[in-house]
Every structure is written in C-alpha cells, then in structure tokens.
C-alpha cells in the first residue's frame, strides 16, 4: 500500500514537498490514534486501521499544501473534509478492486500534467 504522503504527491500534484507537509503528516498520524489504542499504550494506530488512518493523513497533507499554495488540483480546495476523504478513498489503491490488478491510473491536474499512480 502506498503511503499517504505518496498519495498526496500524486493526487494533489504539489509543486514541491517540504518539512511543513511532512510535519502535517506526523501530526495527523499522532492524532489518528483512538482511545482504545491509547489505553493499550500504543504510539501508533493498529495496522488494521491503516486505510482509515491513511485517508486522514493524506487529507491533512493536502490541506497543508493548500494553505501554502503549493497544490495544483484546485477543485480539492472547495471540498469539505468529508468529500475530500471520499475522493481520497476512491483514488486510493485497493487490491480488492478488479481494475487495480495490473493496471495503473493517472492523476491529472488542471494544467493537464499527468502523474502515474
């Protein structure tokens, strides 16, 4: 499974990635841990929640890129967090989807720039 930062890089097509975005991913990961996991003494969420947590991390990195004006997929700016999560979920690699087997998708920004996913 690709990392949330990898997802962000290919789906919001930022001009660059910087330490602030990496910090945003770390903060999102640290806040994704739930009460049950904290009670178990875990530092990170359970691996069985990786897809759910990855969506949150990707969203927060995308939002940080937007704040910095580094994003190029402008339609994502107007999405609510709920809609952006849905968008990320639909674009995220899922080995259970038949179209994912052996194929690749392209992310295209408004300027027509393509990036292989």
N, C-alpha and C. Protein backbone atom coordinates (compact mmCIF):
# COMPACT_ATOMS: atom_id res chain seq x y z
N UNK A 1 0.84 -1.17 0.00
CA UNK A 1 0.00 0.00 0.00
C UNK A 1 0.88 1.24 0.00
N UNK A 2 0.52 2.17 -0.80
CA UNK A 2 1.29 3.41 -0.88
C UNK A 2 1.01 4.27 0.35
N UNK A 3 2.00 5.06 0.72
CA UNK A 3 1.86 5.91 1.90
C UNK A 3 0.93 7.08 1.61
N UNK A 4 0.36 7.68 2.67
CA UNK A 4 -0.48 8.86 2.48
C UNK A 4 0.27 10.00 1.81
N UNK A 5 1.55 10.14 2.14
CA UNK A 5 2.34 11.20 1.52
C UNK A 5 2.49 10.93 0.03
N UNK A 6 2.70 9.66 -0.33
CA UNK A 6 2.77 9.27 -1.74
C UNK A 6 1.45 9.58 -2.43
N UNK A 7 0.34 9.26 -1.78
CA UNK A 7 -0.97 9.56 -2.34
C UNK A 7 -1.10 11.05 -2.60
N UNK A 8 -0.74 11.83 -1.62
CA UNK A 8 -0.83 13.29 -1.73
C UNK A 8 -0.01 13.79 -2.92
N UNK A 9 1.20 13.29 -3.04
CA UNK A 9 2.09 13.75 -4.10
C UNK A 9 1.50 13.51 -5.48
N UNK A 10 0.80 12.41 -5.64
CA UNK A 10 0.27 12.07 -6.96
C UNK A 10 -1.15 12.54 -7.19
N UNK A 11 -1.86 12.89 -6.16
CA UNK A 11 -3.26 13.27 -6.35
C UNK A 11 -3.55 14.74 -6.16
N UNK A 12 -2.69 15.47 -5.47
CA UNK A 12 -2.89 16.91 -5.43
C UNK A 12 -1.79 17.61 -6.20
N UNK A 13 -0.83 16.84 -6.67
CA UNK A 13 0.25 17.33 -7.52
C UNK A 13 0.85 18.64 -7.02
N UNK A 14 1.43 18.64 -5.83
CA UNK A 14 2.01 19.87 -5.31
C UNK A 14 3.24 20.26 -6.12
N UNK A 15 3.61 21.53 -6.04
CA UNK A 15 4.81 21.99 -6.71
C UNK A 15 6.05 21.39 -6.06
N UNK A 16 5.96 21.16 -4.77
CA UNK A 16 7.08 20.58 -4.03
C UNK A 16 6.56 20.02 -2.71
N UNK A 17 7.40 19.25 -2.04
CA UNK A 17 7.07 18.75 -0.72
C UNK A 17 8.10 19.31 0.24
N UNK A 18 7.66 19.76 1.39
CA UNK A 18 8.60 20.37 2.32
C UNK A 18 8.39 19.82 3.73
N UNK A 19 9.22 20.30 4.64
CA UNK A 19 9.17 19.81 6.01
C UNK A 19 7.84 20.11 6.70
N UNK A 20 7.18 21.19 6.32
CA UNK A 20 5.89 21.53 6.94
C UNK A 20 4.85 20.48 6.58
N UNK A 21 4.87 19.99 5.34
CA UNK A 21 3.94 18.95 4.93
C UNK A 21 4.26 17.63 5.63
N UNK A 22 5.53 17.33 5.76
CA UNK A 22 5.93 16.11 6.46
C UNK A 22 5.51 16.20 7.93
N UNK A 23 5.67 17.38 8.51
CA UNK A 23 5.21 17.59 9.89
C UNK A 23 3.69 17.41 9.99
N UNK A 24 2.96 17.92 9.00
CA UNK A 24 1.50 17.76 8.99
C UNK A 24 1.12 16.29 8.96
N UNK A 25 1.88 15.48 8.23
CA UNK A 25 1.58 14.04 8.18
C UNK A 25 1.83 13.40 9.54
N UNK A 26 2.89 13.83 10.23
CA UNK A 26 3.20 13.27 11.55
C UNK A 26 2.13 13.66 12.58
N UNK A 27 1.68 14.90 12.52
CA UNK A 27 0.63 15.35 13.44
C UNK A 27 -0.66 14.57 13.17
N UNK A 28 -1.01 14.42 11.90
CA UNK A 28 -2.24 13.69 11.55
C UNK A 28 -2.15 12.24 12.04
N UNK A 29 -1.00 11.63 11.87
CA UNK A 29 -0.83 10.25 12.34
C UNK A 29 -0.97 10.17 13.86
N UNK A 30 -0.35 11.11 14.54
CA UNK A 30 -0.40 11.06 16.01
C UNK A 30 -1.80 11.32 16.55
N UNK A 31 -2.59 12.09 15.84
CA UNK A 31 -3.95 12.37 16.32
C UNK A 31 -4.96 11.34 15.84
N UNK A 32 -4.53 10.43 14.97
CA UNK A 32 -5.44 9.39 14.47
C UNK A 32 -5.60 8.24 15.45
N UNK A 33 -4.75 8.19 16.46
CA UNK A 33 -4.85 7.12 17.45
C UNK A 33 -6.11 7.32 18.28
N UNK A 34 -6.83 6.23 18.52
CA UNK A 34 -8.09 6.35 19.28
C UNK A 34 -7.88 5.99 20.75
N UNK A 35 -8.92 6.16 21.54
CA UNK A 35 -8.84 5.95 22.99
C UNK A 35 -8.44 4.52 23.34
N UNK A 36 -8.99 3.56 22.62
CA UNK A 36 -8.67 2.16 22.87
C UNK A 36 -7.19 1.89 22.65
N UNK A 37 -6.67 2.45 21.59
CA UNK A 37 -5.24 2.25 21.28
C UNK A 37 -4.36 2.95 22.33
N UNK A 38 -4.79 4.12 22.77
CA UNK A 38 -4.05 4.82 23.83
C UNK A 38 -4.06 4.00 25.12
N UNK A 39 -5.22 3.41 25.45
CA UNK A 39 -5.31 2.58 26.66
C UNK A 39 -4.41 1.35 26.58
N UNK A 40 -4.15 0.89 25.37
CA UNK A 40 -3.24 -0.24 25.19
C UNK A 40 -1.77 0.20 25.25
N UNK A 41 -1.55 1.51 25.33
CA UNK A 41 -0.19 2.02 25.39
C UNK A 41 0.47 2.14 24.03
N UNK A 42 -0.32 2.12 22.97
CA UNK A 42 0.25 2.20 21.63
C UNK A 42 0.65 3.64 21.28
N UNK A 43 1.67 3.76 20.46
CA UNK A 43 2.09 5.07 19.97
C UNK A 43 1.47 5.38 18.61
N UNK A 44 1.09 4.33 17.90
CA UNK A 44 0.52 4.46 16.57
C UNK A 44 -0.77 3.65 16.49
N UNK A 45 -1.65 3.98 15.57
CA UNK A 45 -2.88 3.20 15.40
C UNK A 45 -2.58 1.76 14.98
N UNK A 46 -3.53 0.87 15.27
CA UNK A 46 -3.42 -0.52 14.84
C UNK A 46 -3.27 -0.61 13.33
N UNK A 47 -2.51 -1.57 12.87
CA UNK A 47 -2.29 -1.78 11.44
C UNK A 47 -3.59 -2.08 10.70
N UNK A 48 -4.56 -2.68 11.39
CA UNK A 48 -5.82 -3.00 10.71
C UNK A 48 -6.64 -1.74 10.38
N UNK A 49 -6.20 -0.59 10.88
CA UNK A 49 -6.86 0.68 10.55
C UNK A 49 -6.04 1.51 9.56
N UNK A 50 -5.07 0.87 8.90
CA UNK A 50 -4.14 1.63 8.07
C UNK A 50 -4.83 2.41 6.95
N UNK A 51 -5.85 1.84 6.34
CA UNK A 51 -6.54 2.55 5.26
C UNK A 51 -7.27 3.79 5.81
N UNK A 52 -7.98 3.62 6.91
CA UNK A 52 -8.70 4.73 7.54
C UNK A 52 -7.73 5.84 7.96
N UNK A 53 -6.64 5.46 8.59
CA UNK A 53 -5.66 6.43 9.06
C UNK A 53 -4.96 7.10 7.87
N UNK A 54 -4.67 6.34 6.84
CA UNK A 54 -4.01 6.89 5.65
C UNK A 54 -4.84 7.97 4.99
N UNK A 55 -6.15 7.81 5.00
CA UNK A 55 -7.05 8.83 4.44
C UNK A 55 -6.93 10.13 5.23
N UNK A 56 -6.92 10.03 6.54
CA UNK A 56 -6.80 11.21 7.40
C UNK A 56 -5.46 11.90 7.16
N UNK A 57 -4.39 11.13 7.11
CA UNK A 57 -3.05 11.70 6.90
C UNK A 57 -2.97 12.36 5.53
N UNK A 58 -3.45 11.69 4.49
CA UNK A 58 -3.43 12.27 3.15
C UNK A 58 -4.21 13.58 3.11
N UNK A 59 -5.38 13.59 3.74
CA UNK A 59 -6.21 14.81 3.76
C UNK A 59 -5.46 15.96 4.40
N UNK A 60 -4.84 15.70 5.54
CA UNK A 60 -4.16 16.78 6.26
C UNK A 60 -2.94 17.30 5.51
N UNK A 61 -2.24 16.42 4.80
CA UNK A 61 -1.10 16.87 3.99
C UNK A 61 -1.60 17.69 2.80
N UNK A 62 -2.70 17.27 2.19
CA UNK A 62 -3.30 18.03 1.10
C UNK A 62 -3.72 19.41 1.61
N UNK A 63 -4.37 19.45 2.76
CA UNK A 63 -4.82 20.73 3.32
C UNK A 63 -3.63 21.65 3.61
N UNK A 64 -2.55 21.08 4.11
CA UNK A 64 -1.35 21.89 4.38
C UNK A 64 -0.79 22.45 3.08
N UNK A 65 -0.76 21.65 2.04
CA UNK A 65 -0.29 22.13 0.73
C UNK A 65 -1.17 23.26 0.22
N UNK A 66 -2.46 23.14 0.46
CA UNK A 66 -3.38 24.20 0.05
C UNK A 66 -3.09 25.49 0.81
N UNK A 67 -2.85 25.38 2.11
CA UNK A 67 -2.54 26.57 2.91
C UNK A 67 -1.28 27.26 2.41
N UNK A 68 -0.34 26.47 1.93
CA UNK A 68 0.92 27.01 1.45
C UNK A 68 0.85 27.43 -0.03
N UNK A 69 -0.27 27.16 -0.67
CA UNK A 69 -0.41 27.50 -2.08
C UNK A 69 0.42 26.62 -2.99
N UNK A 70 0.72 25.41 -2.56
CA UNK A 70 1.56 24.50 -3.33
C UNK A 70 0.77 23.45 -4.09
N UNK A 71 -0.54 23.43 -3.90
CA UNK A 71 -1.37 22.43 -4.57
C UNK A 71 -1.68 22.91 -5.98
N UNK A 72 -1.99 21.96 -6.87
CA UNK A 72 -2.33 22.32 -8.24
C UNK A 72 -3.68 21.75 -8.68
N UNK A 73 -4.30 20.92 -7.87
CA UNK A 73 -5.63 20.41 -8.19
C UNK A 73 -6.61 21.27 -7.41
N UNK A 74 -6.99 22.36 -8.02
CA UNK A 74 -7.75 23.39 -7.33
C UNK A 74 -9.14 22.96 -6.89
N UNK A 75 -9.72 21.98 -7.58
CA UNK A 75 -11.07 21.54 -7.20
C UNK A 75 -11.09 20.93 -5.79
N UNK A 76 -9.95 20.45 -5.31
CA UNK A 76 -9.90 19.88 -3.97
C UNK A 76 -10.06 20.94 -2.89
N UNK A 77 -9.72 22.18 -3.21
CA UNK A 77 -9.82 23.27 -2.23
C UNK A 77 -11.24 23.50 -1.74
N UNK A 78 -12.20 23.32 -2.63
CA UNK A 78 -13.59 23.60 -2.29
C UNK A 78 -14.31 22.42 -1.64
N UNK A 79 -13.64 21.29 -1.53
CA UNK A 79 -14.27 20.11 -0.95
C UNK A 79 -14.27 20.20 0.58
N UNK A 80 -15.36 19.73 1.17
CA UNK A 80 -15.37 19.58 2.63
C UNK A 80 -14.41 18.44 2.97
N UNK A 81 -14.05 18.33 4.23
CA UNK A 81 -13.17 17.23 4.64
C UNK A 81 -13.83 15.89 4.33
N UNK A 82 -15.13 15.80 4.54
CA UNK A 82 -15.87 14.56 4.25
C UNK A 82 -15.78 14.21 2.76
N UNK A 83 -15.97 15.21 1.90
CA UNK A 83 -15.89 14.96 0.45
C UNK A 83 -14.47 14.63 0.02
N UNK A 84 -13.50 15.31 0.63
CA UNK A 84 -12.11 15.03 0.30
C UNK A 84 -11.74 13.61 0.74
N UNK A 85 -12.21 13.20 1.91
CA UNK A 85 -11.97 11.82 2.36
C UNK A 85 -12.55 10.81 1.36
N UNK A 86 -13.74 11.10 0.88
CA UNK A 86 -14.37 10.22 -0.12
C UNK A 86 -13.54 10.18 -1.40
N UNK A 87 -13.07 11.33 -1.85
CA UNK A 87 -12.22 11.42 -3.04
C UNK A 87 -10.94 10.60 -2.85
N UNK A 88 -10.31 10.76 -1.69
CA UNK A 88 -9.08 10.02 -1.40
C UNK A 88 -9.37 8.52 -1.39
N UNK A 89 -10.45 8.12 -0.74
CA UNK A 89 -10.82 6.69 -0.66
C UNK A 89 -11.01 6.11 -2.06
N UNK A 90 -11.67 6.88 -2.95
CA UNK A 90 -11.91 6.40 -4.31
C UNK A 90 -10.63 6.30 -5.13
N UNK A 91 -9.67 7.17 -4.85
CA UNK A 91 -8.41 7.18 -5.60
C UNK A 91 -7.36 6.25 -5.01
N UNK A 92 -7.55 5.88 -3.75
CA UNK A 92 -6.57 5.04 -3.06
C UNK A 92 -6.52 3.64 -3.66
N UNK A 93 -5.33 3.11 -3.75
CA UNK A 93 -5.15 1.75 -4.24
C UNK A 93 -5.92 0.79 -3.35
N UNK A 94 -6.65 -0.10 -3.97
CA UNK A 94 -7.39 -1.12 -3.24
C UNK A 94 -7.21 -2.44 -3.98
N UNK A 95 -6.46 -3.37 -3.40
CA UNK A 95 -6.20 -4.64 -4.09
C UNK A 95 -7.46 -5.48 -4.29
N UNK A 96 -8.55 -5.12 -3.64
CA UNK A 96 -9.81 -5.86 -3.79
C UNK A 96 -10.61 -5.40 -5.00
N UNK A 97 -10.22 -4.29 -5.61
CA UNK A 97 -10.93 -3.82 -6.81
C UNK A 97 -10.30 -4.46 -8.04
N UNK A 98 -11.12 -5.06 -8.90
CA UNK A 98 -10.59 -5.75 -10.08
C UNK A 98 -9.74 -4.85 -10.98
N UNK A 99 -10.12 -3.58 -11.11
CA UNK A 99 -9.38 -2.69 -12.00
C UNK A 99 -7.98 -2.36 -11.49
N UNK A 100 -7.71 -2.68 -10.23
CA UNK A 100 -6.39 -2.41 -9.66
C UNK A 100 -5.37 -3.48 -10.04
N UNK A 101 -5.84 -4.62 -10.47
CA UNK A 101 -4.93 -5.73 -10.77
C UNK A 101 -4.16 -5.47 -12.05
N UNK A 102 -2.91 -5.08 -11.89
CA UNK A 102 -2.03 -4.92 -13.03
C UNK A 102 -2.15 -3.62 -13.78
N UNK A 103 -3.13 -2.80 -13.49
CA UNK A 103 -3.29 -1.54 -14.22
C UNK A 103 -2.82 -0.37 -13.40
N UNK A 104 -2.70 0.77 -14.04
CA UNK A 104 -2.37 1.98 -13.30
C UNK A 104 -3.32 3.08 -13.73
N UNK A 105 -3.49 4.04 -12.85
CA UNK A 105 -4.35 5.18 -13.13
C UNK A 105 -3.48 6.42 -13.21
N UNK A 106 -3.98 7.44 -13.83
CA UNK A 106 -3.27 8.70 -13.91
C UNK A 106 -4.01 9.74 -13.09
N UNK A 107 -3.26 10.58 -12.44
CA UNK A 107 -3.81 11.78 -11.82
C UNK A 107 -3.47 12.93 -12.75
N UNK A 108 -4.43 13.79 -13.02
CA UNK A 108 -4.19 14.89 -13.95
C UNK A 108 -4.60 16.19 -13.27
N UNK A 109 -3.70 17.17 -13.29
CA UNK A 109 -4.08 18.46 -12.71
C UNK A 109 -4.77 19.32 -13.76
N UNK A 110 -5.22 20.51 -13.35
CA UNK A 110 -5.96 21.37 -14.25
C UNK A 110 -5.14 21.79 -15.47
N UNK A 111 -3.81 21.78 -15.33
CA UNK A 111 -2.94 22.15 -16.46
C UNK A 111 -2.65 21.01 -17.39
N UNK A 112 -3.25 19.84 -17.12
CA UNK A 112 -3.04 18.69 -18.00
C UNK A 112 -1.81 17.86 -17.67
N UNK A 113 -1.13 18.16 -16.55
CA UNK A 113 0.05 17.41 -16.16
C UNK A 113 -0.39 16.06 -15.59
N UNK A 114 0.20 14.97 -16.09
CA UNK A 114 -0.15 13.64 -15.62
C UNK A 114 0.91 13.10 -14.70
N UNK A 115 0.46 12.33 -13.72
CA UNK A 115 1.35 11.60 -12.83
C UNK A 115 0.80 10.21 -12.69
N UNK A 116 1.64 9.20 -12.89
CA UNK A 116 1.21 7.82 -12.71
C UNK A 116 0.98 7.55 -11.25
N UNK A 117 -0.11 6.86 -10.95
CA UNK A 117 -0.40 6.43 -9.58
C UNK A 117 0.08 5.02 -9.40
